[in-house]
C-alpha cells in the first residue's frame, strides 16, 4: 500500500510538469514612523554545515541536452543517521533502485541522528545541485513523509517560487503561512489512524490552503497508520 501511495505521489508530480510556475507575490513594506528613531544593523554571517545526500540521474540525463526535472525527497525521523542506505527505505529513492528508467532526477538528503530538517541548508543544497547539474529550475518538485512531510510544508512556504508542486505525506505545519503557496499545486496524504502525527495536522493545513484559494487536493487513507513508525 505504501509503495502504491508513492506511485500516486509520483504520478501527481509527473502531471505537474505541465503546470506553470507560481506567480510572484508583491511584498508590502510597512511605512516607517518618522517620530521614532530608526535603527539599522549591517552584518555578514556565515554558518558552516555539512549535508549528505543521494542523487539519482535518469538514463535520459544529459549535461548539455534538455534540462531534467528534479524531485527533492525528505525522509522521516526513522531514517536519520549517517548511513545513506536508510534513505532508500521509502519513496522515490526506493523506487529508483528498481527502476533505472525513472525520468526525474531524485535528490535525497539525510538528517544526522537527532537532527531536524533545516530549510536554509536544504536551499543551499538545491542551489549547489542546480548549479552543477543540468536541472530544469522551473520543474523542481518536493515530497516527504512524517518529519519530511513537515519539512515539505515548511520548504514550500519558505521558498514558494522554488517548487512547481508538492506532495507532503503525514506531515503538518503552521496554517498561518499557507497564503504564500496558494498558486502551487499541492496534494497532501495522511492516514486516518495515524497515532504518531494526528491526521488533523494535514487537515488543518489543507483547510487553510483551501480558504486562501489554493490549488490543493487531500487524500485520507481510512485504515492508514503512520508509515514512518
Foldseek 3Di string as FASTA:
>chain_A
DQQVVLVVVVVVLVVLVPPFFDDDDDDDDDDDDPVDDDDDDDDDDDDDDDWDKDKQDAPPFDQPDAAFAEEEEEEALLQAADDRVSQLPHHPSVVCVPPSNPRHIYIYIHHHHPDADDLVVVVVVVVVVVVVGRHDQRRYEYEYAHSSLQVQVVNCLVPVRRHQAYERELYAYDLVRLLSNQAHEYEYEYECAAPPRHPVRVVSNQVSSVVSNHNYHYYYHDHDYGPSD
